[in-house]
Amino acid sequence: MVALLLFLLHACAVCEFRFCSPKQVLPPLSLADCPPGELMEAIKCDFGSFEKMKEKIAAVSVGVQGSGWGWLGFNKESGRLNIAACPNQDPLEGTTGLTPLLGIDVCEHAYYLQYKNVRPDYVKAIWNVVNWENVAERFQAAKK
């Protein structure tokens, strides 16, 4: 859990996310375990199901060689959700044109203390702390 909180705090420093405070990133006490409303409908439309989306993001994130990020992003041109990976600290928007909605930091500093070199376990645990309300807000803003 410590590694997950470190990941979330690290995400605050990522300029691309434009976070104002850790409060936006850290999950609320009444954390929903799945995306609300329109975001869930878009996930089902673009990936088939929430579980399939999680599997695809996990595969992309675990597959990053070395340091990098796995992303759920919004493609403004197509109006669809996409999954992408960026090596190192390469910006999602600048390299793919996607608007970032959810990022998974797969640099070792994000998970090594708790998960050692078992990146798949770390990525699987991420879903326990995602603030879906915040991701849904980002989705609504990206659609404008």
N, C-alpha and C. Protein backbone atom coordinates (compact mmCIF):
# COMPACT_ATOMS: atom_id res chain seq x y z
N MET A 1 0.82 -1.19 0.00
CA MET A 1 0.00 0.00 0.00
C MET A 1 0.87 1.26 0.00
N VAL A 2 2.01 1.19 0.70
CA VAL A 2 2.90 2.35 0.73
C VAL A 2 3.37 2.69 -0.67
N ALA A 3 3.71 1.67 -1.46
CA ALA A 3 4.17 1.92 -2.83
C ALA A 3 3.06 2.56 -3.67
N LEU A 4 1.84 2.14 -3.45
CA LEU A 4 0.73 2.72 -4.21
C LEU A 4 0.52 4.18 -3.86
N LEU A 5 0.63 4.51 -2.57
CA LEU A 5 0.49 5.90 -2.18
C LEU A 5 1.65 6.73 -2.72
N LEU A 6 2.86 6.15 -2.72
CA LEU A 6 4.00 6.85 -3.32
C LEU A 6 3.76 7.09 -4.80
N PHE A 7 3.20 6.10 -5.47
CA PHE A 7 2.86 6.27 -6.89
C PHE A 7 1.90 7.44 -7.07
N LEU A 8 0.88 7.49 -6.25
CA LEU A 8 -0.12 8.54 -6.39
C LEU A 8 0.47 9.91 -6.11
N LEU A 9 1.32 9.99 -5.10
CA LEU A 9 1.95 11.27 -4.81
C LEU A 9 2.91 11.67 -5.92
N HIS A 10 3.60 10.68 -6.49
CA HIS A 10 4.49 10.96 -7.62
C HIS A 10 3.68 11.50 -8.80
N ALA A 11 2.51 10.97 -8.98
CA ALA A 11 1.67 11.42 -10.09
C ALA A 11 1.33 12.90 -9.96
N CYS A 12 1.29 13.39 -8.74
CA CYS A 12 1.00 14.82 -8.54
C CYS A 12 2.05 15.69 -9.20
N ALA A 13 3.25 15.18 -9.31
CA ALA A 13 4.34 15.97 -9.88
C ALA A 13 4.36 15.94 -11.39
N VAL A 14 3.59 15.07 -11.99
CA VAL A 14 3.59 14.95 -13.44
C VAL A 14 2.81 16.11 -14.04
N CYS A 15 3.51 16.96 -14.76
CA CYS A 15 2.89 18.18 -15.30
C CYS A 15 1.71 17.86 -16.20
N GLU A 16 1.81 16.79 -16.97
CA GLU A 16 0.78 16.47 -17.94
C GLU A 16 -0.58 16.27 -17.27
N PHE A 17 -0.58 15.78 -16.06
CA PHE A 17 -1.83 15.53 -15.35
C PHE A 17 -2.45 16.80 -14.80
N ARG A 18 -1.66 17.83 -14.61
CA ARG A 18 -2.14 19.12 -14.11
C ARG A 18 -2.88 18.98 -12.77
N PHE A 19 -2.33 18.17 -11.87
CA PHE A 19 -2.95 18.02 -10.55
C PHE A 19 -2.70 19.26 -9.72
N CYS A 20 -3.69 19.66 -8.95
CA CYS A 20 -3.53 20.80 -8.07
C CYS A 20 -3.09 20.37 -6.68
N SER A 21 -3.55 19.21 -6.24
CA SER A 21 -3.21 18.76 -4.90
C SER A 21 -3.31 17.24 -4.82
N PRO A 22 -2.62 16.63 -3.85
CA PRO A 22 -2.73 15.18 -3.68
C PRO A 22 -4.15 14.72 -3.42
N LYS A 23 -4.99 15.61 -2.88
CA LYS A 23 -6.38 15.26 -2.59
C LYS A 23 -7.11 14.79 -3.85
N GLN A 24 -6.74 15.34 -5.01
CA GLN A 24 -7.39 14.93 -6.24
C GLN A 24 -6.98 13.52 -6.65
N VAL A 25 -5.79 13.12 -6.29
CA VAL A 25 -5.27 11.84 -6.72
C VAL A 25 -5.59 10.73 -5.73
N LEU A 26 -5.49 11.05 -4.45
CA LEU A 26 -5.74 10.04 -3.44
C LEU A 26 -7.22 9.69 -3.44
N PRO A 27 -7.52 8.42 -3.28
CA PRO A 27 -8.92 8.00 -3.35
C PRO A 27 -9.73 8.48 -2.15
N PRO A 28 -11.00 8.77 -2.35
CA PRO A 28 -11.86 9.14 -1.23
C PRO A 28 -12.12 7.91 -0.36
N LEU A 29 -12.58 8.14 0.85
CA LEU A 29 -12.85 7.02 1.75
C LEU A 29 -13.92 6.09 1.20
N SER A 30 -14.88 6.62 0.48
CA SER A 30 -15.93 5.79 -0.10
C SER A 30 -15.60 5.50 -1.57
N LEU A 31 -14.45 4.92 -1.78
CA LEU A 31 -13.93 4.68 -3.12
C LEU A 31 -14.82 3.71 -3.90
N ALA A 32 -15.24 4.14 -5.07
CA ALA A 32 -15.99 3.25 -5.95
C ALA A 32 -15.00 2.32 -6.64
N ASP A 33 -15.39 1.08 -6.84
CA ASP A 33 -14.47 0.13 -7.45
C ASP A 33 -14.61 0.06 -8.97
N CYS A 34 -15.45 0.91 -9.53
CA CYS A 34 -15.59 0.94 -10.98
C CYS A 34 -15.98 2.35 -11.42
N PRO A 35 -15.73 2.66 -12.68
CA PRO A 35 -16.03 4.00 -13.19
C PRO A 35 -17.53 4.29 -13.20
N PRO A 36 -17.88 5.56 -12.97
CA PRO A 36 -19.30 5.93 -12.98
C PRO A 36 -19.80 6.29 -14.37
N GLY A 37 -21.10 6.17 -14.55
CA GLY A 37 -21.84 6.72 -15.68
C GLY A 37 -21.26 6.63 -17.07
N GLU A 38 -21.08 7.81 -17.69
CA GLU A 38 -20.64 7.88 -19.08
C GLU A 38 -19.27 7.26 -19.30
N LEU A 39 -18.40 7.38 -18.33
CA LEU A 39 -17.07 6.77 -18.47
C LEU A 39 -17.20 5.25 -18.58
N MET A 40 -18.02 4.65 -17.74
CA MET A 40 -18.21 3.19 -17.81
C MET A 40 -18.82 2.80 -19.15
N GLU A 41 -19.77 3.57 -19.63
CA GLU A 41 -20.38 3.27 -20.93
C GLU A 41 -19.35 3.36 -22.05
N ALA A 42 -18.48 4.37 -21.99
CA ALA A 42 -17.43 4.51 -23.01
C ALA A 42 -16.44 3.36 -22.93
N ILE A 43 -16.11 2.92 -21.73
CA ILE A 43 -15.19 1.78 -21.56
C ILE A 43 -15.82 0.54 -22.17
N LYS A 44 -17.08 0.28 -21.90
CA LYS A 44 -17.76 -0.89 -22.46
C LYS A 44 -17.82 -0.81 -23.98
N CYS A 45 -18.09 0.38 -24.50
CA CYS A 45 -18.19 0.57 -25.94
C CYS A 45 -16.83 0.36 -26.62
N ASP A 46 -15.77 0.91 -26.04
CA ASP A 46 -14.46 0.88 -26.68
C ASP A 46 -13.63 -0.37 -26.39
N PHE A 47 -13.92 -1.06 -25.27
CA PHE A 47 -13.12 -2.23 -24.91
C PHE A 47 -13.94 -3.50 -24.72
N GLY A 48 -15.26 -3.40 -24.71
CA GLY A 48 -16.10 -4.57 -24.52
C GLY A 48 -16.59 -4.72 -23.10
N SER A 49 -15.72 -4.45 -22.13
CA SER A 49 -16.09 -4.52 -20.72
C SER A 49 -15.02 -3.83 -19.89
N PHE A 50 -15.36 -3.54 -18.65
CA PHE A 50 -14.41 -2.94 -17.72
C PHE A 50 -13.24 -3.89 -17.48
N GLU A 51 -13.53 -5.17 -17.32
CA GLU A 51 -12.47 -6.16 -17.09
C GLU A 51 -11.51 -6.24 -18.28
N LYS A 52 -12.04 -6.20 -19.49
CA LYS A 52 -11.17 -6.24 -20.68
C LYS A 52 -10.28 -5.00 -20.75
N MET A 53 -10.83 -3.84 -20.39
CA MET A 53 -10.02 -2.63 -20.37
C MET A 53 -8.89 -2.76 -19.36
N LYS A 54 -9.20 -3.27 -18.17
CA LYS A 54 -8.16 -3.45 -17.15
C LYS A 54 -7.09 -4.43 -17.63
N GLU A 55 -7.51 -5.51 -18.29
CA GLU A 55 -6.54 -6.48 -18.82
C GLU A 55 -5.63 -5.84 -19.86
N LYS A 56 -6.20 -5.02 -20.74
CA LYS A 56 -5.39 -4.39 -21.79
C LYS A 56 -4.42 -3.37 -21.22
N ILE A 57 -4.88 -2.56 -20.28
CA ILE A 57 -3.98 -1.58 -19.65
C ILE A 57 -2.88 -2.32 -18.88
N ALA A 58 -3.25 -3.39 -18.19
CA ALA A 58 -2.25 -4.16 -17.44
C ALA A 58 -1.19 -4.73 -18.39
N ALA A 59 -1.62 -5.31 -19.50
CA ALA A 59 -0.67 -5.89 -20.45
C ALA A 59 0.27 -4.83 -21.02
N VAL A 60 -0.28 -3.68 -21.37
CA VAL A 60 0.55 -2.60 -21.91
C VAL A 60 1.50 -2.08 -20.84
N SER A 61 1.01 -1.89 -19.63
CA SER A 61 1.84 -1.35 -18.55
C SER A 61 2.95 -2.31 -18.15
N VAL A 62 2.61 -3.57 -18.00
CA VAL A 62 3.61 -4.57 -17.63
C VAL A 62 4.63 -4.73 -18.75
N GLY A 63 4.21 -4.53 -19.99
CA GLY A 63 5.08 -4.72 -21.14
C GLY A 63 6.06 -3.59 -21.41
N VAL A 64 5.95 -2.48 -20.68
CA VAL A 64 6.90 -1.38 -20.87
C VAL A 64 8.29 -1.86 -20.49
N GLN A 65 9.24 -1.69 -21.40
CA GLN A 65 10.63 -2.07 -21.12
C GLN A 65 11.30 -0.95 -20.33
N GLY A 66 11.80 -1.28 -19.16
CA GLY A 66 12.44 -0.26 -18.33
C GLY A 66 11.41 0.64 -17.69
N SER A 67 11.69 1.92 -17.67
CA SER A 67 10.81 2.90 -17.04
C SER A 67 9.77 3.40 -18.03
N GLY A 68 8.63 3.82 -17.50
CA GLY A 68 7.60 4.38 -18.36
C GLY A 68 6.25 4.40 -17.69
N TRP A 69 5.24 4.58 -18.53
CA TRP A 69 3.86 4.71 -18.06
C TRP A 69 2.92 3.93 -18.95
N GLY A 70 1.88 3.37 -18.34
CA GLY A 70 0.74 2.84 -19.08
C GLY A 70 -0.39 3.85 -18.91
N TRP A 71 -1.15 4.10 -19.98
CA TRP A 71 -2.14 5.17 -19.95
C TRP A 71 -3.50 4.73 -20.49
N LEU A 72 -4.53 5.27 -19.89
CA LEU A 72 -5.86 5.31 -20.49
C LEU A 72 -6.02 6.75 -20.95
N GLY A 73 -6.23 6.94 -22.24
CA GLY A 73 -6.33 8.29 -22.77
C GLY A 73 -7.56 8.44 -23.65
N PHE A 74 -7.89 9.68 -23.93
CA PHE A 74 -9.03 10.01 -24.78
C PHE A 74 -8.53 10.60 -26.08
N ASN A 75 -9.01 10.05 -27.20
CA ASN A 75 -8.66 10.55 -28.52
C ASN A 75 -9.77 11.51 -28.96
N LYS A 76 -9.44 12.80 -28.99
CA LYS A 76 -10.45 13.81 -29.33
C LYS A 76 -10.95 13.67 -30.77
N GLU A 77 -10.09 13.24 -31.67
CA GLU A 77 -10.49 13.11 -33.08
C GLU A 77 -11.53 12.01 -33.28
N SER A 78 -11.30 10.86 -32.65
CA SER A 78 -12.22 9.74 -32.82
C SER A 78 -13.33 9.72 -31.77
N GLY A 79 -13.11 10.45 -30.66
CA GLY A 79 -14.08 10.43 -29.57
C GLY A 79 -14.07 9.12 -28.80
N ARG A 80 -12.93 8.40 -28.88
CA ARG A 80 -12.84 7.08 -28.23
C ARG A 80 -11.73 7.05 -27.20
N LEU A 81 -11.84 6.08 -26.30
CA LEU A 81 -10.79 5.82 -25.33
C LEU A 81 -9.74 4.93 -25.97
N ASN A 82 -8.49 5.16 -25.62
CA ASN A 82 -7.39 4.34 -26.12
C ASN A 82 -6.42 4.04 -24.98
N ILE A 83 -5.67 2.98 -25.16
CA ILE A 83 -4.63 2.61 -24.21
C ILE A 83 -3.30 2.78 -24.92
N ALA A 84 -2.33 3.33 -24.20
CA ALA A 84 -1.02 3.55 -24.78
C ALA A 84 0.04 3.41 -23.70
N ALA A 85 1.27 3.26 -24.14
CA ALA A 85 2.42 3.24 -23.23
C ALA A 85 3.41 4.28 -23.71
N CYS A 86 4.08 4.89 -22.77
CA CYS A 86 5.13 5.86 -23.10
C CYS A 86 6.38 5.48 -22.32
N PRO A 87 7.52 5.41 -22.99
CA PRO A 87 8.76 5.10 -22.27
C PRO A 87 9.22 6.29 -21.44
N ASN A 88 9.95 5.99 -20.39
CA ASN A 88 10.56 7.01 -19.54
C ASN A 88 9.52 8.04 -19.09
N GLN A 89 9.79 9.31 -19.29
CA GLN A 89 8.84 10.35 -18.91
C GLN A 89 8.27 11.04 -20.14
N ASP A 90 8.25 10.34 -21.27
CA ASP A 90 7.71 10.92 -22.50
C ASP A 90 6.24 11.28 -22.28
N PRO A 91 5.83 12.46 -22.72
CA PRO A 91 4.45 12.90 -22.50
C PRO A 91 3.46 12.18 -23.41
N LEU A 92 2.35 11.76 -22.84
CA LEU A 92 1.32 11.05 -23.61
C LEU A 92 0.75 11.93 -24.71
N GLU A 93 0.34 13.13 -24.36
CA GLU A 93 -0.29 14.00 -25.34
C GLU A 93 0.67 14.35 -26.47
N GLY A 94 1.93 14.59 -26.12
CA GLY A 94 2.91 14.98 -27.12
C GLY A 94 3.35 13.86 -28.04
N THR A 95 3.26 12.62 -27.58
CA THR A 95 3.71 11.49 -28.40
C THR A 95 2.59 10.74 -29.09
N THR A 96 1.37 10.81 -28.53
CA THR A 96 0.26 10.04 -29.11
C THR A 96 -0.94 10.91 -29.49
N GLY A 97 -0.99 12.11 -28.95
CA GLY A 97 -2.15 12.97 -29.18
C GLY A 97 -3.32 12.67 -28.25
N LEU A 98 -3.15 11.69 -27.37
CA LEU A 98 -4.22 11.33 -26.43
C LEU A 98 -4.22 12.26 -25.23
N THR A 99 -5.41 12.56 -24.73
CA THR A 99 -5.54 13.32 -23.49
C THR A 99 -5.49 12.33 -22.34
N PRO A 100 -4.57 12.50 -21.38
CA PRO A 100 -4.44 11.53 -20.28
C PRO A 100 -5.63 11.55 -19.33
N LEU A 101 -6.13 10.35 -19.04
CA LEU A 101 -7.21 10.20 -18.07
C LEU A 101 -6.72 9.45 -16.84
N LEU A 102 -5.91 8.41 -17.04
CA LEU A 102 -5.40 7.58 -15.95
C LEU A 102 -4.01 7.11 -16.34
N GLY A 103 -3.05 7.33 -15.47
CA GLY A 103 -1.69 6.89 -15.73
C GLY A 103 -1.22 5.90 -14.69
N ILE A 104 -0.48 4.90 -15.14
CA ILE A 104 0.14 3.93 -14.23
C ILE A 104 1.64 4.05 -14.39
N ASP A 105 2.30 4.54 -13.36
CA ASP A 105 3.75 4.71 -13.37
C ASP A 105 4.39 3.33 -13.17
N VAL A 106 5.11 2.86 -14.17
CA VAL A 106 5.76 1.55 -14.04
C VAL A 106 7.28 1.68 -13.93
N CYS A 107 7.75 2.85 -13.52
CA CYS A 107 9.16 3.00 -13.17
C CYS A 107 9.35 2.27 -11.83
N GLU A 108 10.50 1.63 -11.66
CA GLU A 108 10.70 0.83 -10.45
C GLU A 108 10.51 1.62 -9.16
N HIS A 109 10.81 2.91 -9.16
CA HIS A 109 10.67 3.68 -7.92
C HIS A 109 9.22 3.68 -7.42
N ALA A 110 8.28 3.42 -8.30
CA ALA A 110 6.87 3.44 -7.92
C ALA A 110 6.45 2.19 -7.15
N TYR A 111 7.16 1.09 -7.34
CA TYR A 111 6.67 -0.16 -6.75
C TYR A 111 7.74 -1.04 -6.11
N TYR A 112 9.01 -0.77 -6.29
CA TYR A 112 10.04 -1.73 -5.91
C TYR A 112 10.07 -2.03 -4.41
N LEU A 113 9.86 -1.04 -3.56
CA LEU A 113 9.93 -1.29 -2.12
C LEU A 113 8.91 -2.33 -1.65
N GLN A 114 7.73 -2.31 -2.23
CA GLN A 114 6.70 -3.26 -1.80
C GLN A 114 6.62 -4.49 -2.69
N TYR A 115 6.80 -4.32 -3.99
CA TYR A 115 6.56 -5.42 -4.93
C TYR A 115 7.83 -5.99 -5.54
N LYS A 116 8.98 -5.48 -5.14
CA LYS A 116 10.28 -5.88 -5.70
C LYS A 116 10.21 -5.78 -7.23
N ASN A 117 10.54 -6.85 -7.93
CA ASN A 117 10.52 -6.78 -9.39
C ASN A 117 9.28 -7.44 -9.99
N VAL A 118 8.22 -7.54 -9.21
CA VAL A 118 6.99 -8.20 -9.67
C VAL A 118 5.99 -7.12 -10.12
N ARG A 119 6.28 -6.53 -11.25
CA ARG A 119 5.46 -5.45 -11.79
C ARG A 119 3.99 -5.86 -11.97
N PRO A 120 3.69 -7.08 -12.43
CA PRO A 120 2.28 -7.45 -12.61
C PRO A 120 1.46 -7.36 -11.31
N ASP A 121 2.05 -7.71 -10.18
CA ASP A 121 1.32 -7.61 -8.91
C ASP A 121 1.02 -6.15 -8.56
N TYR A 122 1.99 -5.29 -8.82
CA TYR A 122 1.80 -3.86 -8.58
C TYR A 122 0.67 -3.31 -9.46
N VAL A 123 0.70 -3.65 -10.74
CA VAL A 123 -0.33 -3.15 -11.67
C VAL A 123 -1.70 -3.68 -11.26
N LYS A 124 -1.76 -4.92 -10.83
CA LYS A 124 -3.04 -5.50 -10.39
C LYS A 124 -3.57 -4.76 -9.15
N ALA A 125 -2.67 -4.36 -8.26
CA ALA A 125 -3.08 -3.67 -7.03
C ALA A 125 -3.52 -2.23 -7.28
N ILE A 126 -3.08 -1.64 -8.36
CA ILE A 126 -3.44 -0.24 -8.68
C ILE A 126 -4.95 -0.06 -8.66
N TRP A 127 -5.69 -1.04 -9.14
CA TRP A 127 -7.14 -0.90 -9.27
C TRP A 127 -7.82 -0.70 -7.92
N ASN A 128 -7.14 -1.04 -6.83
CA ASN A 128 -7.71 -0.86 -5.50
C ASN A 128 -7.69 0.59 -5.03
N VAL A 129 -6.93 1.45 -5.72
CA VAL A 129 -6.80 2.83 -5.25
C VAL A 129 -7.13 3.88 -6.30
N VAL A 130 -7.64 3.47 -7.45
CA VAL A 130 -7.97 4.46 -8.49
C VAL A 130 -9.16 5.30 -8.05
N ASN A 131 -9.04 6.60 -8.20
CA ASN A 131 -10.13 7.52 -7.90
C ASN A 131 -10.94 7.70 -9.19
N TRP A 132 -11.94 6.85 -9.39
CA TRP A 132 -12.70 6.86 -10.63
C TRP A 132 -13.51 8.13 -10.82
N GLU A 133 -13.88 8.78 -9.74
CA GLU A 133 -14.59 10.06 -9.87
C GLU A 133 -13.69 11.08 -10.56
N ASN A 134 -12.41 11.10 -10.18
CA ASN A 134 -11.46 12.02 -10.80
C ASN A 134 -11.22 11.67 -12.26
N VAL A 135 -11.11 10.38 -12.56
CA VAL A 135 -10.92 9.94 -13.95
C VAL A 135 -12.14 10.34 -14.78
N ALA A 136 -13.33 10.18 -14.21
CA ALA A 136 -14.56 10.56 -14.92
C ALA A 136 -14.61 12.07 -15.17
N GLU A 137 -14.14 12.86 -14.21
CA GLU A 137 -14.08 14.31 -14.41
C GLU A 137 -13.13 14.65 -15.56
N ARG A 138 -12.00 13.98 -15.61
CA ARG A 138 -11.03 14.20 -16.69
C ARG A 138 -11.64 13.82 -18.04
N PHE A 139 -12.41 12.74 -18.04
CA PHE A 139 -13.07 12.29 -19.26
C PHE A 139 -14.05 13.36 -19.76
N GLN A 140 -14.85 13.88 -18.85
CA GLN A 140 -15.82 14.92 -19.23
C GLN A 140 -15.11 16.16 -19.76
N ALA A 141 -14.03 16.56 -19.12
CA ALA A 141 -13.27 17.74 -19.56
C ALA A 141 -12.63 17.50 -20.93
N ALA A 142 -12.15 16.28 -21.16
CA ALA A 142 -11.47 15.96 -22.43
C ALA A 142 -12.45 15.97 -23.60
N LYS A 143 -13.71 15.65 -23.34
CA LYS A 143 -14.71 15.60 -24.41
C LYS A 143 -15.11 16.99 -24.89
N LYS A 144 -14.82 18.03 -24.13
CA LYS A 144 -15.25 19.40 -24.50
C LYS A 144 -14.40 19.95 -25.62
